[in-house]
Amino acid sequence: MSLKPIKSVDYYQQQAKSFYQSTAFVDMAPLYQRFLPHVPVGGHIVDAGCGSGRDSLHFANLGFTVSAFDASPALVELAQQHTGLPVSVCSFEEFAAPEPVDAIWACASLLHVPRAELKQVMAHLSAQLKPNGVFYCSFKYGQDDVSRDGRHFTNLDETGLSELVSQLPLTVIEHWQTGDVRPSREHERWLNAILRKETK
């Protein structure tokens, strides 16, 4: 689990129940509406760093095949209970799809990867995609690296996203900013991006 900071994993181990309660039932419909039109009907979506399993459950209920994983065993247990789906305990670089997938959904998860390792992690995940597969990711908006409440955050703005993607076999379909949808977090800004894997 070297590419997901131990401090962040420890936080989720200790705070799994409160994190689950604060995220499992948040309405993510505006993000789904931008992401899912890029995914083939019934396609295979990887929920990378699935947390509570909220998004995995939504995708599965719509008929998509879902592969979900998280680095926190405590969250994986809660996600399995919430979704009824198999959820794997592994880090980003440990995940390997048995065959190329249609889409990767990394909602508020890659932000815990140290900046120096982010390109490597995203390259590994991108390798799991089919040509023209789509990759959604989100980061807290900014240019700095922050440690808060036992977690590391790699923040990105549009320039940082462009620099990162330029080093990967991905192109940006669209990016946009949103506020946090959790109560009392509305002031926090997020950078969202939908990327497409290039064909060779």
C-alpha atoms as a PDB file:
ATOM      1  CA  MET A   1       0.000   0.000   0.000  1.00  0.00           C
ATOM      2  CA  SER A   2       2.987   2.264  -0.475  1.00  0.00           C
ATOM      3  CA  LEU A   3       1.231   4.656  -2.824  1.00  0.00           C
ATOM      4  CA  LYS A   4      -1.649   5.362  -0.480  1.00  0.00           C
ATOM      5  CA  PRO A   5      -0.134   7.132   2.519  1.00  0.00           C
ATOM      6  CA  ILE A   6      -0.313   5.079   5.687  1.00  0.00           C
ATOM      7  CA  LYS A   7      -1.558   8.083   7.640  1.00  0.00           C
ATOM      8  CA  SER A   8      -4.562   8.418   5.354  1.00  0.00           C
ATOM      9  CA  VAL A   9      -5.362   4.708   5.569  1.00  0.00           C
ATOM     10  CA  ASP A  10      -5.093   4.843   9.348  1.00  0.00           C
ATOM     11  CA  TYR A  11      -7.532   7.751   9.405  1.00  0.00           C
ATOM     12  CA  TYR A  12     -10.133   5.770   7.482  1.00  0.00           C
ATOM     13  CA  GLN A  13      -9.559   2.740   9.662  1.00  0.00           C
ATOM     14  CA  GLN A  14     -10.246   4.796  12.770  1.00  0.00           C
ATOM     15  CA  GLN A  15     -13.032   6.940  11.324  1.00  0.00           C
ATOM     16  CA  ALA A  16     -14.711   4.384   9.066  1.00  0.00           C
ATOM     17  CA  LYS A  17     -18.161   4.559  10.639  1.00  0.00           C
ATOM     18  CA  SER A  18     -18.355   8.345  10.802  1.00  0.00           C
ATOM     19  CA  PHE A  19     -16.979   8.659   7.267  1.00  0.00           C
ATOM     20  CA  TYR A  20     -19.523   6.123   6.040  1.00  0.00           C
ATOM     21  CA  GLN A  21     -22.376   7.966   7.738  1.00  0.00           C
ATOM     22  CA  SER A  22     -21.310  11.304   6.246  1.00  0.00           C
ATOM     23  CA  THR A  23     -20.886  10.044   2.684  1.00  0.00           C
ATOM     24  CA  ALA A  24     -23.003   6.952   1.977  1.00  0.00           C
ATOM     25  CA  PHE A  25     -26.217   8.819   1.218  1.00  0.00           C
ATOM     26  CA  VAL A  26     -24.949  12.032  -0.361  1.00  0.00           C
ATOM     27  CA  ASP A  27     -26.690  12.862  -3.652  1.00  0.00           C
ATOM     28  CA  MET A  28     -24.079  12.616  -6.410  1.00  0.00           C
ATOM     29  CA  ALA A  29     -26.557  12.790  -9.305  1.00  0.00           C
ATOM     30  CA  PRO A  30     -24.959  15.839 -11.001  1.00  0.00           C
ATOM     31  CA  LEU A  31     -21.652  13.973 -11.294  1.00  0.00           C
ATOM     32  CA  TYR A  32     -23.274  10.757 -12.480  1.00  0.00           C
ATOM     33  CA  GLN A  33     -25.118  12.716 -15.170  1.00  0.00           C
ATOM     34  CA  ARG A  34     -21.828  13.942 -16.645  1.00  0.00           C
ATOM     35  CA  PHE A  35     -19.935  10.656 -16.333  1.00  0.00           C
ATOM     36  CA  LEU A  36     -22.362   7.897 -17.284  1.00  0.00           C
ATOM     37  CA  PRO A  37     -23.183   9.093 -20.839  1.00  0.00           C
ATOM     38  CA  HIS A  38     -19.561   8.220 -21.683  1.00  0.00           C
ATOM     39  CA  VAL A  39     -19.919   4.623 -20.445  1.00  0.00           C
ATOM     40  CA  PRO A  40     -21.482   1.908 -22.639  1.00  0.00           C
ATOM     41  CA  VAL A  41     -24.786   0.530 -21.361  1.00  0.00           C
ATOM     42  CA  GLY A  42     -24.015  -2.353 -19.047  1.00  0.00           C
ATOM     43  CA  GLY A  43     -20.301  -1.548 -19.211  1.00  0.00           C
ATOM     44  CA  HIS A  44     -17.651  -2.362 -16.624  1.00  0.00           C
ATOM     45  CA  ILE A  45     -16.840   0.415 -14.134  1.00  0.00           C
ATOM     46  CA  VAL A  46     -14.014   0.263 -11.597  1.00  0.00           C
ATOM     47  CA  ASP A  47     -14.776   2.227  -8.417  1.00  0.00           C
ATOM     48  CA  ALA A  48     -11.226   3.064  -7.319  1.00  0.00           C
ATOM     49  CA  GLY A  49     -11.108   3.959  -3.648  1.00  0.00           C
ATOM     50  CA  CYS A  50     -14.804   3.233  -3.226  1.00  0.00           C
ATOM     51  CA  GLY A  51     -15.171   4.381   0.385  1.00  0.00           C
ATOM     52  CA  SER A  52     -18.720   3.711   1.571  1.00  0.00           C
ATOM     53  CA  GLY A  53     -19.673   1.987  -1.692  1.00  0.00           C
ATOM     54  CA  ARG A  54     -22.267   4.673  -2.437  1.00  0.00           C
ATOM     55  CA  ASP A  55     -21.304   5.027  -6.090  1.00  0.00           C
ATOM     56  CA  SER A  56     -20.728   1.312  -6.662  1.00  0.00           C
ATOM     57  CA  LEU A  57     -24.274   0.624  -5.494  1.00  0.00           C
ATOM     58  CA  HIS A  58     -25.698   3.285  -7.807  1.00  0.00           C
ATOM     59  CA  PHE A  59     -23.836   1.943 -10.835  1.00  0.00           C
ATOM     60  CA  ALA A  60     -24.774  -1.672 -10.050  1.00  0.00           C
ATOM     61  CA  ASN A  61     -28.435  -0.706  -9.680  1.00  0.00           C
ATOM     62  CA  LEU A  62     -28.285   0.772 -13.187  1.00  0.00           C
ATOM     63  CA  GLY A  63     -27.027  -2.517 -14.596  1.00  0.00           C
ATOM     64  CA  PHE A  64     -23.332  -1.786 -14.871  1.00  0.00           C
ATOM     65  CA  THR A  65     -20.700  -4.358 -13.923  1.00  0.00           C
ATOM     66  CA  VAL A  66     -18.778  -2.917 -10.976  1.00  0.00           C
ATOM     67  CA  SER A  67     -15.361  -3.763  -9.554  1.00  0.00           C
ATOM     68  CA  ALA A  68     -14.837  -1.905  -6.277  1.00  0.00           C
ATOM     69  CA  PHE A  69     -11.820  -1.623  -4.024  1.00  0.00           C
ATOM     70  CA  ASP A  70     -10.446   0.442  -1.169  1.00  0.00           C
ATOM     71  CA  ALA A  71      -7.245   0.401   0.886  1.00  0.00           C
ATOM     72  CA  SER A  72      -9.112   0.524   4.213  1.00  0.00           C
ATOM     73  CA  PRO A  73     -10.343  -2.908   5.411  1.00  0.00           C
ATOM     74  CA  ALA A  74     -12.844  -1.233   7.736  1.00  0.00           C
ATOM     75  CA  LEU A  75     -14.388   0.752   4.886  1.00  0.00           C
ATOM     76  CA  VAL A  76     -14.385  -2.303   2.632  1.00  0.00           C
ATOM     77  CA  GLU A  77     -16.431  -4.179   5.225  1.00  0.00           C
ATOM     78  CA  LEU A  78     -18.949  -1.331   5.433  1.00  0.00           C
ATOM     79  CA  ALA A  79     -19.093  -1.017   1.637  1.00  0.00           C
ATOM     80  CA  GLN A  80     -19.814  -4.727   1.275  1.00  0.00           C
ATOM     81  CA  GLN A  81     -22.637  -4.452   3.783  1.00  0.00           C
ATOM     82  CA  HIS A  82     -24.035  -1.374   2.055  1.00  0.00           C
ATOM     83  CA  THR A  83     -23.869  -2.686  -1.504  1.00  0.00           C
ATOM     84  CA  GLY A  84     -24.025  -6.458  -1.300  1.00  0.00           C
ATOM     85  CA  LEU A  85     -21.183  -6.452  -3.805  1.00  0.00           C
ATOM     86  CA  PRO A  86     -17.738  -8.014  -3.473  1.00  0.00           C
ATOM     87  CA  VAL A  87     -15.245  -5.292  -2.566  1.00  0.00           C
ATOM     88  CA  SER A  88     -11.491  -5.863  -2.561  1.00  0.00           C
ATOM     89  CA  VAL A  89      -8.949  -4.571  -0.069  1.00  0.00           C
ATOM     90  CA  CYS A  90      -6.098  -3.169  -2.140  1.00  0.00           C
ATOM     91  CA  SER A  91      -4.283   0.019  -3.029  1.00  0.00           C
ATOM     92  CA  PHE A  92      -4.374   1.735  -6.392  1.00  0.00           C
ATOM     93  CA  GLU A  93      -1.180   0.150  -7.651  1.00  0.00           C
ATOM     94  CA  GLU A  94      -2.248  -3.324  -6.489  1.00  0.00           C
ATOM     95  CA  PHE A  95      -5.494  -3.326  -8.463  1.00  0.00           C
ATOM     96  CA  ALA A  96      -5.451  -5.341 -11.666  1.00  0.00           C
ATOM     97  CA  ALA A  97      -8.552  -5.896 -13.775  1.00  0.00           C
ATOM     98  CA  PRO A  98      -8.839  -9.385 -15.310  1.00  0.00           C
ATOM     99  CA  GLU A  99      -9.575  -7.696 -18.632  1.00  0.00           C
ATOM    100  CA  PRO A 100      -9.672  -4.078 -19.819  1.00  0.00           C
ATOM    101  CA  VAL A 101     -12.613  -2.103 -18.443  1.00  0.00           C
ATOM    102  CA  ASP A 102     -14.845   0.601 -19.879  1.00  0.00           C
ATOM    103  CA  ALA A 103     -14.458   3.189 -17.133  1.00  0.00           C
ATOM    104  CA  ILE A 104     -12.731   4.134 -13.911  1.00  0.00           C
ATOM    105  CA  TRP A 105     -14.465   6.213 -11.258  1.00  0.00           C
ATOM    106  CA  ALA A 106     -12.048   7.733  -8.724  1.00  0.00           C
ATOM    107  CA  CYS A 107     -14.199  10.108  -6.712  1.00  0.00           C
ATOM    108  CA  ALA A 108     -12.276  11.949  -3.967  1.00  0.00           C
ATOM    109  CA  SER A 109      -9.765   9.122  -3.683  1.00  0.00           C
ATOM    110  CA  LEU A 110      -6.676   9.892  -5.772  1.00  0.00           C
ATOM    111  CA  LEU A 111      -6.228  13.114  -3.815  1.00  0.00           C
ATOM    112  CA  HIS A 112      -4.583  11.029  -1.069  1.00  0.00           C
ATOM    113  CA  VAL A 113      -1.754   9.943  -3.379  1.00  0.00           C
ATOM    114  CA  PRO A 114       1.420  12.030  -2.915  1.00  0.00           C
ATOM    115  CA  ARG A 115       1.999  14.377  -5.847  1.00  0.00           C
ATOM    116  CA  ALA A 116       5.314  12.718  -6.731  1.00  0.00           C
ATOM    117  CA  GLU A 117       3.551   9.371  -7.169  1.00  0.00           C
ATOM    118  CA  LEU A 118       0.308  10.516  -8.791  1.00  0.00           C
ATOM    119  CA  LYS A 119       1.472  10.095 -12.393  1.00  0.00           C
ATOM    120  CA  GLN A 120       2.615   6.527 -11.697  1.00  0.00           C
ATOM    121  CA  VAL A 121      -0.657   5.617 -10.003  1.00  0.00           C
ATOM    122  CA  MET A 122      -2.819   7.117 -12.746  1.00  0.00           C
ATOM    123  CA  ALA A 123      -0.705   5.452 -15.435  1.00  0.00           C
ATOM    124  CA  HIS A 124      -1.279   2.091 -13.730  1.00  0.00           C
ATOM    125  CA  LEU A 125      -5.020   2.670 -13.516  1.00  0.00           C
ATOM    126  CA  SER A 126      -5.155   3.919 -17.102  1.00  0.00           C
ATOM    127  CA  ALA A 127      -3.554   0.651 -18.204  1.00  0.00           C
ATOM    128  CA  GLN A 128      -6.695  -1.130 -16.958  1.00  0.00           C
ATOM    129  CA  LEU A 129      -8.875   0.793 -19.435  1.00  0.00           C
ATOM    130  CA  LYS A 130      -9.934  -0.198 -22.911  1.00  0.00           C
ATOM    131  CA  PRO A 131      -8.898   2.204 -25.676  1.00  0.00           C
ATOM    132  CA  ASN A 132     -11.333   5.139 -25.524  1.00  0.00           C
ATOM    133  CA  GLY A 133     -12.248   4.159 -21.953  1.00  0.00           C
ATOM    134  CA  VAL A 134     -13.157   6.995 -19.595  1.00  0.00           C
ATOM    135  CA  PHE A 135     -11.575   8.019 -16.305  1.00  0.00           C
ATOM    136  CA  TYR A 136     -13.367  10.294 -13.810  1.00  0.00           C
ATOM    137  CA  CYS A 137     -11.361  11.808 -10.970  1.00  0.00           C
ATOM    138  CA  SER A 138     -11.785  14.629  -8.477  1.00  0.00           C
ATOM    139  CA  PHE A 139      -9.430  16.616  -6.290  1.00  0.00           C
ATOM    140  CA  LYS A 140      -9.790  19.378  -3.776  1.00  0.00           C
ATOM    141  CA  TYR A 141      -9.158  22.606  -5.664  1.00  0.00           C
ATOM    142  CA  GLY A 142      -5.750  24.211  -5.268  1.00  0.00           C
ATOM    143  CA  GLN A 143      -2.058  23.962  -6.031  1.00  0.00           C
ATOM    144  CA  ASP A 144      -0.613  22.801  -2.728  1.00  0.00           C
ATOM    145  CA  ASP A 145      -0.196  19.652  -0.675  1.00  0.00           C
ATOM    146  CA  VAL A 146      -1.981  19.634   2.674  1.00  0.00           C
ATOM    147  CA  SER A 147      -1.976  17.362   5.725  1.00  0.00           C
ATOM    148  CA  ARG A 148      -5.108  17.658   7.842  1.00  0.00           C
ATOM    149  CA  ASP A 149      -6.724  15.436  10.467  1.00  0.00           C
ATOM    150  CA  GLY A 150      -4.283  12.621   9.761  1.00  0.00           C
ATOM    151  CA  ARG A 151      -4.793  12.674   5.995  1.00  0.00           C
ATOM    152  CA  HIS A 152      -2.668  13.841   3.083  1.00  0.00           C
ATOM    153  CA  PHE A 153      -4.299  15.841   0.279  1.00  0.00           C
ATOM    154  CA  THR A 154      -2.773  16.536  -3.119  1.00  0.00           C
ATOM    155  CA  ASN A 155      -4.744  19.479  -4.465  1.00  0.00           C
ATOM    156  CA  LEU A 156      -5.042  20.279  -8.167  1.00  0.00           C
ATOM    157  CA  ASP A 157      -6.241  23.196 -10.245  1.00  0.00           C
ATOM    158  CA  GLU A 158      -6.760  23.294 -14.004  1.00  0.00           C
ATOM    159  CA  THR A 159      -3.079  23.964 -14.710  1.00  0.00           C
ATOM    160  CA  GLY A 160      -1.953  21.111 -12.481  1.00  0.00           C
ATOM    161  CA  LEU A 161      -4.468  18.781 -14.102  1.00  0.00           C
ATOM    162  CA  SER A 162      -3.262  19.709 -17.587  1.00  0.00           C
ATOM    163  CA  GLU A 163       0.372  19.134 -16.634  1.00  0.00           C
ATOM    164  CA  LEU A 164      -0.458  15.762 -15.104  1.00  0.00           C
ATOM    165  CA  VAL A 165      -2.579  14.517 -17.998  1.00  0.00           C
ATOM    166  CA  SER A 166       0.044  15.618 -20.545  1.00  0.00           C
ATOM    167  CA  GLN A 167       2.312  12.911 -19.124  1.00  0.00           C
ATOM    168  CA  LEU A 168      -0.317  10.176 -19.450  1.00  0.00           C
ATOM    169  CA  PRO A 169      -2.072   8.329 -22.312  1.00  0.00           C
ATOM    170  CA  LEU A 170      -5.180  10.373 -21.530  1.00  0.00           C
ATOM    171  CA  THR A 171      -6.934  13.415 -22.914  1.00  0.00           C
ATOM    172  CA  VAL A 172      -9.290  15.736 -21.060  1.00  0.00           C
ATOM    173  CA  ILE A 173     -12.902  15.532 -22.217  1.00  0.00           C
ATOM    174  CA  GLU A 174     -14.052  18.142 -19.724  1.00  0.00           C
ATOM    175  CA  HIS A 175     -13.255  19.585 -16.329  1.00  0.00           C
ATOM    176  CA  TRP A 176     -15.342  21.693 -13.984  1.00  0.00           C
ATOM    177  CA  GLN A 177     -15.510  22.978 -10.434  1.00  0.00           C
ATOM    178  CA  THR A 178     -18.116  22.060  -7.858  1.00  0.00           C
ATOM    179  CA  GLY A 179     -18.811  22.811  -4.220  1.00  0.00           C
ATOM    180  CA  ASP A 180     -18.799  20.077  -1.608  1.00  0.00           C
ATOM    181  CA  VAL A 181     -22.278  18.559  -1.273  1.00  0.00           C
ATOM    182  CA  ARG A 182     -21.862  17.481   2.359  1.00  0.00           C
ATOM    183  CA  PRO A 183     -23.523  19.676   5.019  1.00  0.00           C
ATOM    184  CA  SER A 184     -21.271  22.478   6.326  1.00  0.00           C
ATOM    185  CA  ARG A 185     -18.691  21.781   3.570  1.00  0.00           C
ATOM    186  CA  GLU A 186     -20.298  23.924   0.878  1.00  0.00           C
ATOM    187  CA  HIS A 187     -17.375  26.393   0.913  1.00  0.00           C
ATOM    188  CA  GLU A 188     -14.904  23.715  -0.217  1.00  0.00           C
ATOM    189  CA  ARG A 189     -14.177  23.622  -3.939  1.00  0.00           C
ATOM    190  CA  TRP A 190     -13.484  20.517  -6.004  1.00  0.00           C
ATOM    191  CA  LEU A 191     -11.935  20.057  -9.434  1.00  0.00           C
ATOM    192  CA  ASN A 192     -13.672  17.328 -11.411  1.00  0.00           C
ATOM    193  CA  ALA A 193     -12.362  15.844 -14.643  1.00  0.00           C
ATOM    194  CA  ILE A 194     -13.453  13.296 -17.206  1.00  0.00           C
ATOM    195  CA  LEU A 195     -10.544  11.891 -19.190  1.00  0.00           C
ATOM    196  CA  ARG A 196     -10.430   9.517 -22.148  1.00  0.00           C
ATOM    197  CA  LYS A 197      -7.787   6.918 -22.845  1.00  0.00           C
ATOM    198  CA  GLU A 198      -6.034   7.562 -26.117  1.00  0.00           C
ATOM    199  CA  THR A 199      -5.940   4.925 -28.829  1.00  0.00           C
ATOM    200  CA  LYS A 200      -2.550   3.882 -30.135  1.00  0.00           C
END
